Amino acid sequence: MKIRLNWFTTAAVVMAVGASVMAATPASAKDNELTTAEKAEGWKLLFDGKTMDGWNTTGDKSGWAVEDGAIACQAKHGGYAYSEGQWADFTLECDFKTGDRVNSGIFVRWEDLKDPVNSGMEIQVLDSFGRIKPNKHDCGALYDCVAPSVDAVKPAGEWNHMVIICRGPIVRIVLNRQQIIETDLSAWTTAHKNPDGTDNKFTRAYATMLQKGYIGLQDHGGRVWFKNIKLRELSPWKTPVEG
């Protein structure tokens, strides 16, 4: 028996995960609520729209607050807001908007609260509207590792909808109904290196980033808002086996 994760196997897994996500993302009737269908499908709200219940912070607690039904970064040294729960294989949805030229991020599989950068993965949140060719630091990027295929972010001040799917080594990102990332972390075998030979800043090879971790929201010194944060846990990843 041998294990083989080739292009065809990976593509099939990604397509299956993607199809299920697109089928399971109905719009809620109201912000920060689940429809009856979403509840039946196993979605859970991570933010109730009124309080910071279920969230902690690594910095000044006053740096994060609820404004008009959204978790709002006050840009006051709040550090990171992070979920009380931890997940490895999941679909995460949220809406976000930023101020002009504001930089933030959504962290997933964040393991060590003292080191979010090297123990989790960041999906970039940035006012980068209008990029002709987005790079590995633009909105929707798997930060410093994979650039979004298209610039799908809306102008500052407008709400965006992001879907992040993590299942084993497969990571898929959809921004405003456009798929912008589809990648297999098993190709990241060396710390500080991307598969294309370019450098990244991370002390861990991303092929190892399959553990449970927190969901995190980053205070990078600017105003940013998040709402409709919901998650559906996926069945654990099993490496495809061919006998």
Protein backbone atom coordinates (compact mmCIF):
# COMPACT_ATOMS: atom_id res chain seq x y z
CA MET A 1 0.00 0.00 0.00
CA LYS A 2 1.30 3.44 -0.84
CA ILE A 3 0.10 6.95 -0.26
CA ARG A 4 -0.08 9.18 -3.29
CA LEU A 5 -1.45 12.73 -3.23
CA ASN A 6 -1.21 13.80 -6.84
CA TRP A 7 -2.71 16.62 -8.84
CA PHE A 8 -5.78 14.66 -9.83
CA THR A 9 -6.51 13.53 -6.25
CA THR A 10 -6.02 17.03 -4.86
CA ALA A 11 -8.16 18.61 -7.56
CA ALA A 12 -10.97 16.16 -6.90
CA VAL A 13 -10.89 16.86 -3.16
CA VAL A 14 -10.85 20.63 -3.70
CA MET A 15 -13.73 20.45 -6.15
CA ALA A 16 -15.79 18.35 -3.74
CA VAL A 17 -15.14 20.70 -0.82
CA GLY A 18 -15.82 23.74 -2.97
CA ALA A 19 -19.08 22.40 -4.32
CA SER A 20 -20.36 21.65 -0.83
CA VAL A 21 -19.42 25.13 0.34
CA MET A 22 -21.19 26.88 -2.50
CA ALA A 23 -24.28 24.80 -1.81
CA ALA A 24 -24.20 25.53 1.92
CA THR A 25 -23.90 29.30 2.05
CA PRO A 26 -27.45 30.66 1.94
CA ALA A 27 -27.86 34.28 2.98
CA SER A 28 -29.29 34.76 6.46
CA ALA A 29 -32.53 36.71 6.76
CA LYS A 30 -30.82 39.07 9.22
CA ASP A 31 -27.26 39.91 10.16
CA ASN A 32 -25.62 37.67 12.75
CA GLU A 33 -28.35 35.05 12.65
CA LEU A 34 -28.61 31.55 11.21
CA THR A 35 -31.40 30.35 8.98
CA THR A 36 -33.22 27.14 9.77
CA ALA A 37 -31.34 25.47 6.92
CA GLU A 38 -27.96 26.62 8.25
CA LYS A 39 -28.75 25.29 11.69
CA ALA A 40 -29.70 21.92 10.19
CA GLU A 41 -26.41 21.87 8.25
CA GLY A 42 -24.36 22.35 11.42
CA TRP A 43 -23.37 26.00 11.13
CA LYS A 44 -22.69 27.92 14.35
CA LEU A 45 -22.45 31.64 14.96
CA LEU A 46 -19.14 32.84 16.40
CA PHE A 47 -20.51 36.36 17.01
CA ASP A 48 -23.97 37.22 18.30
CA GLY A 49 -24.00 40.77 16.92
CA LYS A 50 -24.38 42.34 20.35
CA THR A 51 -21.53 41.32 22.65
CA MET A 52 -17.95 40.06 22.56
CA ASP A 53 -19.08 36.82 24.21
CA GLY A 54 -17.02 33.94 22.84
CA TRP A 55 -14.06 36.20 22.04
CA ASN A 56 -10.92 37.13 23.94
CA THR A 57 -8.11 39.54 23.11
CA THR A 58 -4.34 39.40 23.32
CA GLY A 59 -4.07 43.14 23.95
CA ASP A 60 -6.08 45.95 25.52
CA LYS A 61 -9.71 44.74 25.72
CA SER A 62 -10.93 48.24 24.93
CA GLY A 63 -9.25 47.85 21.55
CA TRP A 64 -12.20 45.77 20.34
CA ALA A 65 -15.90 46.66 20.66
CA VAL A 66 -19.29 46.00 19.11
CA GLU A 67 -20.55 48.75 16.78
CA ASP A 68 -23.78 48.52 14.79
CA GLY A 69 -23.82 44.74 14.85
CA ALA A 70 -20.14 44.26 14.01
CA ILE A 71 -16.93 43.50 15.89
CA ALA A 72 -14.97 46.71 15.43
CA CYS A 73 -11.25 47.21 15.79
CA GLN A 74 -10.74 50.50 17.64
CA ALA A 75 -7.07 50.75 16.60
CA LYS A 76 -6.07 51.11 20.25
CA HIS A 77 -3.50 48.35 20.76
CA GLY A 78 -6.13 45.64 20.99
CA GLY A 79 -3.78 43.01 19.63
CA TYR A 80 -5.78 40.11 18.26
CA ALA A 81 -9.38 39.16 18.99
CA TYR A 82 -9.63 35.37 19.02
CA SER A 83 -12.34 32.74 19.31
CA GLU A 84 -12.73 30.62 22.41
CA GLY A 85 -13.10 27.51 20.24
CA GLN A 86 -10.46 25.84 18.08
CA TRP A 87 -10.90 24.04 14.77
CA ALA A 88 -8.77 22.27 12.16
CA ASP A 89 -11.17 21.34 9.34
CA PHE A 90 -13.94 23.84 8.70
CA THR A 91 -15.67 26.35 6.50
CA LEU A 92 -15.59 29.88 7.91
CA GLU A 93 -17.69 32.74 6.57
CA CYS A 94 -17.68 36.40 7.52
CA ASP A 95 -18.33 39.89 6.21
CA PHE A 96 -15.74 42.63 6.65
CA LYS A 97 -15.04 46.20 5.69
CA THR A 98 -12.03 48.44 6.22
CA GLY A 99 -11.18 52.09 6.42
CA ASP A 100 -8.96 53.73 3.80
CA ARG A 101 -5.59 51.98 3.38
CA VAL A 102 -6.25 49.80 6.44
CA ASN A 103 -4.41 46.50 6.92
CA SER A 104 -5.79 43.60 8.98
CA GLY A 105 -6.11 39.84 8.73
CA ILE A 106 -8.15 36.76 9.57
CA PHE A 107 -6.06 34.06 11.26
CA VAL A 108 -6.96 30.37 11.17
CA ARG A 109 -5.48 27.29 12.86
CA TRP A 110 -3.73 29.66 15.26
CA GLU A 111 -2.18 27.43 17.90
CA ASP A 112 0.11 29.52 20.14
CA LEU A 113 -1.51 32.66 21.52
CA LYS A 114 1.92 34.21 21.98
CA ASP A 115 2.90 33.70 18.33
CA PRO A 116 0.02 34.06 15.88
CA VAL A 117 2.30 34.77 12.92
CA ASN A 118 4.22 31.49 13.09
CA SER A 119 1.60 29.19 14.63
CA GLY A 120 -1.35 30.14 12.42
CA MET A 121 -2.13 31.16 8.87
CA GLU A 122 -3.23 34.66 7.88
CA ILE A 123 -5.71 35.49 5.18
CA GLN A 124 -5.00 39.09 4.38
CA VAL A 125 -7.62 41.80 4.89
CA LEU A 126 -6.51 45.00 3.20
CA ASP A 127 -7.82 48.03 1.36
CA SER A 128 -6.18 46.96 -1.92
CA PHE A 129 -9.05 47.71 -4.30
CA GLY A 130 -7.97 48.36 -7.90
CA ARG A 131 -4.90 46.14 -8.12
CA ILE A 132 -4.24 45.01 -11.69
CA LYS A 133 -2.23 42.02 -10.54
CA PRO A 134 -2.64 41.32 -6.79
CA ASN A 135 0.36 40.02 -4.89
CA LYS A 136 0.95 37.84 -1.82
CA HIS A 137 0.20 40.77 0.50
CA ASP A 138 -3.06 41.96 -1.08
CA CYS A 139 -6.59 41.30 0.17
CA GLY A 140 -7.52 37.63 0.18
CA ALA A 141 -3.94 36.37 -0.06
CA LEU A 142 -2.67 33.49 2.04
CA TYR A 143 -0.26 36.01 3.43
CA ASP A 144 3.28 35.86 2.04
CA CYS A 145 2.54 32.48 0.44
CA VAL A 146 -0.16 32.64 -2.25
CA ALA A 147 -1.48 35.68 -4.13
CA PRO A 148 -5.18 35.93 -4.97
CA SER A 149 -5.87 35.06 -8.60
CA VAL A 150 -7.93 38.24 -9.08
CA ASP A 151 -8.55 41.48 -7.20
CA ALA A 152 -12.02 40.77 -5.79
CA VAL A 153 -12.11 43.20 -2.85
CA LYS A 154 -14.52 46.13 -2.83
CA PRO A 155 -13.50 49.75 -2.12
CA ALA A 156 -12.84 50.80 1.47
CA GLY A 157 -16.05 51.30 3.42
CA GLU A 158 -18.00 48.63 1.54
CA TRP A 159 -18.84 45.22 2.97
CA ASN A 160 -17.07 42.15 1.58
CA HIS A 161 -18.03 38.50 2.01
CA MET A 162 -15.25 35.95 2.54
CA VAL A 163 -15.38 32.16 2.69
CA ILE A 164 -12.34 30.25 3.99
CA ILE A 165 -12.23 26.47 3.66
CA CYS A 166 -9.55 24.46 5.46
CA ARG A 167 -9.61 20.68 5.19
CA GLY A 168 -6.33 18.93 5.81
CA PRO A 169 -3.76 20.51 3.46
CA ILE A 170 -6.40 21.95 1.14
CA VAL A 171 -7.08 25.68 1.54
CA ARG A 172 -9.65 27.47 -0.58
CA ILE A 173 -10.69 31.13 -0.36
CA VAL A 174 -13.69 32.77 -1.99
CA LEU A 175 -14.06 36.56 -1.85
CA ASN A 176 -17.26 38.23 -2.98
CA ARG A 177 -18.31 35.03 -4.78
CA GLN A 178 -15.07 34.75 -6.73
CA GLN A 179 -12.64 31.94 -5.98
CA ILE A 180 -9.27 33.59 -5.46
CA ILE A 181 -7.16 30.90 -3.74
CA GLU A 182 -7.01 27.14 -4.22
CA THR A 183 -3.88 25.50 -2.86
CA ASP A 184 -2.39 22.40 -1.27
CA LEU A 185 -0.20 23.08 1.77
CA SER A 186 1.65 19.79 1.34
CA ALA A 187 3.82 21.60 -1.22
CA TRP A 188 5.23 23.87 1.55
CA THR A 189 7.91 21.54 2.90
CA THR A 190 10.60 24.02 3.98
CA ALA A 191 10.44 26.85 6.51
CA HIS A 192 10.84 30.33 4.99
CA LYS A 193 10.33 28.98 1.45
CA ASN A 194 7.38 28.87 -0.92
CA PRO A 195 7.14 26.08 -3.52
CA ASP A 196 8.00 28.56 -6.29
CA GLY A 197 11.35 29.28 -4.61
CA THR A 198 10.44 32.67 -3.19
CA ASP A 199 10.99 33.44 0.48
CA ASN A 200 8.34 33.80 3.16
CA LYS A 201 8.61 35.01 6.76
CA PHE A 202 7.42 31.88 8.54
CA THR A 203 9.51 29.66 10.79
CA ARG A 204 7.30 26.63 10.13
CA ALA A 205 6.74 24.84 6.84
CA TYR A 206 3.07 25.21 5.99
CA ALA A 207 2.81 21.48 5.23
CA THR A 208 2.68 21.07 9.02
CA MET A 209 -0.10 23.61 9.57
CA LEU A 210 -2.95 21.13 9.92
CA GLN A 211 -3.60 21.41 13.67
CA LYS A 212 -6.59 22.78 15.51
CA GLY A 213 -6.36 26.45 16.27
CA TYR A 214 -8.19 29.65 17.08
CA ILE A 215 -9.87 32.01 14.65
CA GLY A 216 -8.24 35.42 15.01
CA LEU A 217 -8.92 39.00 13.91
CA GLN A 218 -5.95 41.34 13.70
CA ASP A 219 -5.52 44.87 14.99
CA HIS A 220 -2.89 46.33 12.67
CA GLY A 221 -3.47 49.94 13.70
CA GLY A 222 -6.51 50.75 11.58
CA ARG A 223 -10.29 50.58 11.73
CA VAL A 224 -11.86 47.37 10.46
CA TRP A 225 -15.24 45.69 11.08
CA PHE A 226 -16.40 42.05 11.01
CA LYS A 227 -19.91 40.58 11.16
CA ASN A 228 -21.88 37.45 10.20
CA ILE A 229 -19.03 35.29 11.48
CA LYS A 230 -20.15 31.68 11.20
CA LEU A 231 -18.42 28.32 11.02
CA ARG A 232 -19.28 24.78 10.01
CA GLU A 233 -16.91 22.05 11.13
CA LEU A 234 -15.93 19.56 8.41
CA SER A 235 -15.15 15.88 8.81
CA PRO A 236 -11.47 15.24 9.58
CA TRP A 237 -9.13 14.99 6.64
CA LYS A 238 -7.92 11.56 5.60
CA THR A 239 -4.97 11.31 3.24
CA PRO A 240 -6.09 9.64 0.00
CA VAL A 241 -4.74 6.09 -0.13
CA GLU A 242 -4.19 4.05 -3.26
CA GLY A 243 -3.53 0.35 -2.89
